[in-house]
Amino acid sequence: GLAREVVRRVNDQRKALNLALSDRIQINYTASMRLAQAIAAFKDYICVETLTNHLAQTESLSSTAISDEFDGETISFEIT
């Protein structure tokens, strides 16, 4: 369920950025521990569903990163 929520949020952001449906992206993120574990476990699924070439956890993000909270978990991410 957590991985599906990440996919939904990333795809919502893709739409907000006016990216084409076929555009490949890179995602850097920070997340709460439980959510980071879910992202790691379902990395392939998330990448396929969001057309992501590179999905990586990072220590810091730019000031333009998107932050969200759901199911008691938090995520911040940026798409390039």
N, C-alpha and C. Protein backbone atom coordinates (compact mmCIF):
# COMPACT_ATOMS: atom_id res chain seq x y z
N GLY A 1 0.80 -1.19 0.00
CA GLY A 1 0.00 0.00 0.00
C GLY A 1 0.85 1.27 0.00
N LEU A 2 1.93 1.27 0.77
CA LEU A 2 2.78 2.46 0.83
C LEU A 2 3.42 2.73 -0.53
N ALA A 3 3.85 1.69 -1.21
CA ALA A 3 4.47 1.87 -2.52
C ALA A 3 3.47 2.46 -3.51
N ARG A 4 2.21 2.02 -3.45
CA ARG A 4 1.19 2.58 -4.34
C ARG A 4 0.97 4.07 -4.05
N GLU A 5 1.04 4.45 -2.78
CA GLU A 5 0.89 5.86 -2.42
C GLU A 5 2.04 6.70 -2.96
N VAL A 6 3.25 6.14 -2.94
CA VAL A 6 4.41 6.84 -3.51
C VAL A 6 4.21 7.02 -5.01
N VAL A 7 3.77 5.96 -5.69
CA VAL A 7 3.52 6.04 -7.13
C VAL A 7 2.50 7.13 -7.42
N ARG A 8 1.43 7.16 -6.68
CA ARG A 8 0.39 8.16 -6.91
C ARG A 8 0.93 9.57 -6.75
N ARG A 9 1.71 9.80 -5.71
CA ARG A 9 2.26 11.13 -5.46
C ARG A 9 3.27 11.54 -6.54
N VAL A 10 4.10 10.62 -6.94
CA VAL A 10 5.07 10.93 -8.00
C VAL A 10 4.33 11.22 -9.30
N ASN A 11 3.36 10.42 -9.65
CA ASN A 11 2.63 10.65 -10.90
C ASN A 11 1.82 11.94 -10.85
N ASP A 12 1.29 12.30 -9.68
CA ASP A 12 0.63 13.60 -9.53
C ASP A 12 1.61 14.73 -9.79
N GLN A 13 2.82 14.58 -9.30
CA GLN A 13 3.84 15.62 -9.49
C GLN A 13 4.30 15.67 -10.94
N ARG A 14 4.41 14.52 -11.59
CA ARG A 14 4.74 14.49 -13.02
C ARG A 14 3.72 15.31 -13.80
N LYS A 15 2.45 15.12 -13.47
CA LYS A 15 1.38 15.85 -14.15
C LYS A 15 1.50 17.36 -13.87
N ALA A 16 1.77 17.72 -12.62
CA ALA A 16 1.90 19.13 -12.25
C ALA A 16 3.07 19.79 -12.98
N LEU A 17 4.10 19.01 -13.28
CA LEU A 17 5.27 19.52 -14.00
C LEU A 17 5.07 19.50 -15.51
N ASN A 18 3.90 19.07 -15.95
CA ASN A 18 3.58 18.98 -17.38
C ASN A 18 4.54 18.08 -18.15
N LEU A 19 4.98 17.00 -17.54
CA LEU A 19 5.86 16.05 -18.22
C LEU A 19 5.03 15.19 -19.16
N ALA A 20 5.62 14.84 -20.28
CA ALA A 20 4.95 13.94 -21.22
C ALA A 20 4.84 12.55 -20.59
N LEU A 21 3.83 11.81 -21.02
CA LEU A 21 3.62 10.46 -20.47
C LEU A 21 4.82 9.55 -20.69
N SER A 22 5.62 9.83 -21.72
CA SER A 22 6.76 8.98 -22.03
C SER A 22 8.08 9.49 -21.44
N ASP A 23 8.10 10.65 -20.80
CA ASP A 23 9.33 11.20 -20.23
C ASP A 23 9.86 10.32 -19.10
N ARG A 24 11.14 10.01 -19.18
CA ARG A 24 11.82 9.27 -18.11
C ARG A 24 12.32 10.28 -17.09
N ILE A 25 12.29 9.90 -15.81
CA ILE A 25 12.67 10.82 -14.74
C ILE A 25 13.68 10.18 -13.80
N GLN A 26 14.23 11.04 -12.94
CA GLN A 26 15.07 10.62 -11.84
C GLN A 26 14.44 11.16 -10.57
N ILE A 27 14.46 10.37 -9.51
CA ILE A 27 13.88 10.79 -8.23
C ILE A 27 14.92 10.64 -7.13
N ASN A 28 15.11 11.71 -6.38
CA ASN A 28 15.87 11.66 -5.14
C ASN A 28 14.87 11.92 -4.03
N TYR A 29 15.00 11.21 -2.92
CA TYR A 29 14.01 11.35 -1.85
C TYR A 29 14.61 11.16 -0.47
N THR A 30 13.89 11.67 0.50
CA THR A 30 14.10 11.34 1.91
C THR A 30 12.74 10.86 2.41
N ALA A 31 12.73 9.91 3.32
CA ALA A 31 11.47 9.36 3.81
C ALA A 31 11.63 8.84 5.23
N SER A 32 10.50 8.72 5.91
CA SER A 32 10.51 8.11 7.24
C SER A 32 11.00 6.67 7.09
N MET A 33 11.47 6.09 8.17
CA MET A 33 12.13 4.78 8.11
C MET A 33 11.23 3.71 7.49
N ARG A 34 10.01 3.59 7.93
CA ARG A 34 9.10 2.55 7.43
C ARG A 34 8.82 2.76 5.94
N LEU A 35 8.62 4.00 5.53
CA LEU A 35 8.35 4.29 4.13
C LEU A 35 9.60 4.03 3.28
N ALA A 36 10.77 4.40 3.78
CA ALA A 36 12.01 4.14 3.04
C ALA A 36 12.21 2.64 2.83
N GLN A 37 11.85 1.84 3.82
CA GLN A 37 11.95 0.39 3.68
C GLN A 37 10.99 -0.12 2.61
N ALA A 38 9.78 0.42 2.58
CA ALA A 38 8.80 0.02 1.56
C ALA A 38 9.28 0.42 0.17
N ILE A 39 9.84 1.62 0.04
CA ILE A 39 10.35 2.07 -1.25
C ILE A 39 11.47 1.15 -1.72
N ALA A 40 12.37 0.79 -0.82
CA ALA A 40 13.47 -0.11 -1.18
C ALA A 40 12.94 -1.48 -1.60
N ALA A 41 11.94 -1.98 -0.89
CA ALA A 41 11.39 -3.30 -1.19
C ALA A 41 10.64 -3.33 -2.52
N PHE A 42 10.03 -2.21 -2.89
CA PHE A 42 9.22 -2.15 -4.10
C PHE A 42 9.80 -1.18 -5.13
N LYS A 43 11.11 -1.02 -5.11
CA LYS A 43 11.78 -0.07 -6.00
C LYS A 43 11.46 -0.35 -7.47
N ASP A 44 11.55 -1.60 -7.89
CA ASP A 44 11.30 -1.94 -9.29
C ASP A 44 9.88 -1.56 -9.69
N TYR A 45 8.91 -1.86 -8.86
CA TYR A 45 7.51 -1.52 -9.12
C TYR A 45 7.35 -0.02 -9.27
N ILE A 46 7.91 0.74 -8.34
CA ILE A 46 7.80 2.20 -8.37
C ILE A 46 8.43 2.74 -9.64
N CYS A 47 9.60 2.24 -9.99
CA CYS A 47 10.29 2.72 -11.19
C CYS A 47 9.49 2.44 -12.46
N VAL A 48 8.91 1.27 -12.57
CA VAL A 48 8.12 0.93 -13.75
C VAL A 48 6.88 1.82 -13.84
N GLU A 49 6.18 1.97 -12.73
CA GLU A 49 4.92 2.72 -12.73
C GLU A 49 5.11 4.22 -12.93
N THR A 50 6.30 4.74 -12.64
CA THR A 50 6.53 6.19 -12.74
C THR A 50 7.54 6.55 -13.84
N LEU A 51 7.99 5.54 -14.61
CA LEU A 51 9.00 5.74 -15.66
C LEU A 51 10.27 6.38 -15.09
N THR A 52 10.74 5.82 -14.00
CA THR A 52 11.91 6.34 -13.32
C THR A 52 13.15 5.52 -13.68
N ASN A 53 14.19 6.21 -14.13
CA ASN A 53 15.47 5.55 -14.44
C ASN A 53 16.36 5.44 -13.21
N HIS A 54 16.20 6.37 -12.28
CA HIS A 54 17.07 6.43 -11.11
C HIS A 54 16.23 6.83 -9.91
N LEU A 55 16.21 5.99 -8.88
CA LEU A 55 15.46 6.25 -7.65
C LEU A 55 16.43 6.06 -6.50
N ALA A 56 16.73 7.16 -5.79
CA ALA A 56 17.75 7.07 -4.75
C ALA A 56 17.37 7.87 -3.52
N GLN A 57 17.66 7.27 -2.38
CA GLN A 57 17.50 7.98 -1.11
C GLN A 57 18.70 8.88 -0.93
N THR A 58 18.48 10.07 -0.40
CA THR A 58 19.55 11.04 -0.22
C THR A 58 19.46 11.68 1.15
N GLU A 59 20.52 12.33 1.54
CA GLU A 59 20.54 13.01 2.84
C GLU A 59 19.89 14.38 2.78
N SER A 60 19.99 15.05 1.64
CA SER A 60 19.43 16.40 1.54
C SER A 60 18.84 16.62 0.16
N LEU A 61 17.85 17.49 0.12
CA LEU A 61 17.18 17.84 -1.12
C LEU A 61 17.18 19.34 -1.28
N SER A 62 16.87 19.79 -2.48
CA SER A 62 16.81 21.23 -2.73
C SER A 62 15.55 21.82 -2.09
N SER A 63 15.48 23.12 -2.08
CA SER A 63 14.33 23.79 -1.47
C SER A 63 13.06 23.62 -2.30
N THR A 64 13.18 23.11 -3.51
CA THR A 64 12.01 22.91 -4.37
C THR A 64 11.41 21.51 -4.22
N ALA A 65 11.93 20.70 -3.32
CA ALA A 65 11.44 19.34 -3.12
C ALA A 65 9.98 19.37 -2.66
N ILE A 66 9.23 18.37 -3.07
CA ILE A 66 7.84 18.19 -2.68
C ILE A 66 7.81 17.37 -1.40
N SER A 67 7.05 17.79 -0.42
CA SER A 67 6.90 17.05 0.83
C SER A 67 5.46 16.63 1.01
N ASP A 68 5.26 15.45 1.55
CA ASP A 68 3.91 14.94 1.76
C ASP A 68 3.91 14.00 2.96
N GLU A 69 2.73 13.81 3.51
CA GLU A 69 2.55 12.89 4.64
C GLU A 69 1.30 12.08 4.40
N PHE A 70 1.38 10.77 4.66
CA PHE A 70 0.23 9.88 4.52
C PHE A 70 0.47 8.64 5.37
N ASP A 71 -0.60 8.08 5.89
CA ASP A 71 -0.54 6.86 6.70
C ASP A 71 0.51 6.95 7.81
N GLY A 72 0.72 8.14 8.35
CA GLY A 72 1.70 8.32 9.41
C GLY A 72 3.14 8.35 8.94
N GLU A 73 3.34 8.36 7.63
CA GLU A 73 4.69 8.38 7.05
C GLU A 73 4.92 9.70 6.33
N THR A 74 6.20 10.07 6.17
CA THR A 74 6.54 11.31 5.48
C THR A 74 7.52 11.01 4.35
N ILE A 75 7.39 11.82 3.28
CA ILE A 75 8.32 11.72 2.16
C ILE A 75 8.55 13.12 1.60
N SER A 76 9.76 13.36 1.19
CA SER A 76 10.12 14.55 0.41
C SER A 76 10.87 14.02 -0.80
N PHE A 77 10.58 14.58 -1.98
CA PHE A 77 11.25 14.10 -3.18
C PHE A 77 11.35 15.20 -4.21
N GLU A 78 12.30 15.03 -5.10
CA GLU A 78 12.44 15.92 -6.23
C GLU A 78 12.61 15.09 -7.49
N ILE A 79 12.02 15.60 -8.54
CA ILE A 79 12.04 14.93 -9.84
C ILE A 79 12.91 15.74 -10.79
N THR A 80 13.80 15.05 -11.49
CA THR A 80 14.59 15.68 -12.54
C THR A 80 14.49 14.84 -13.78
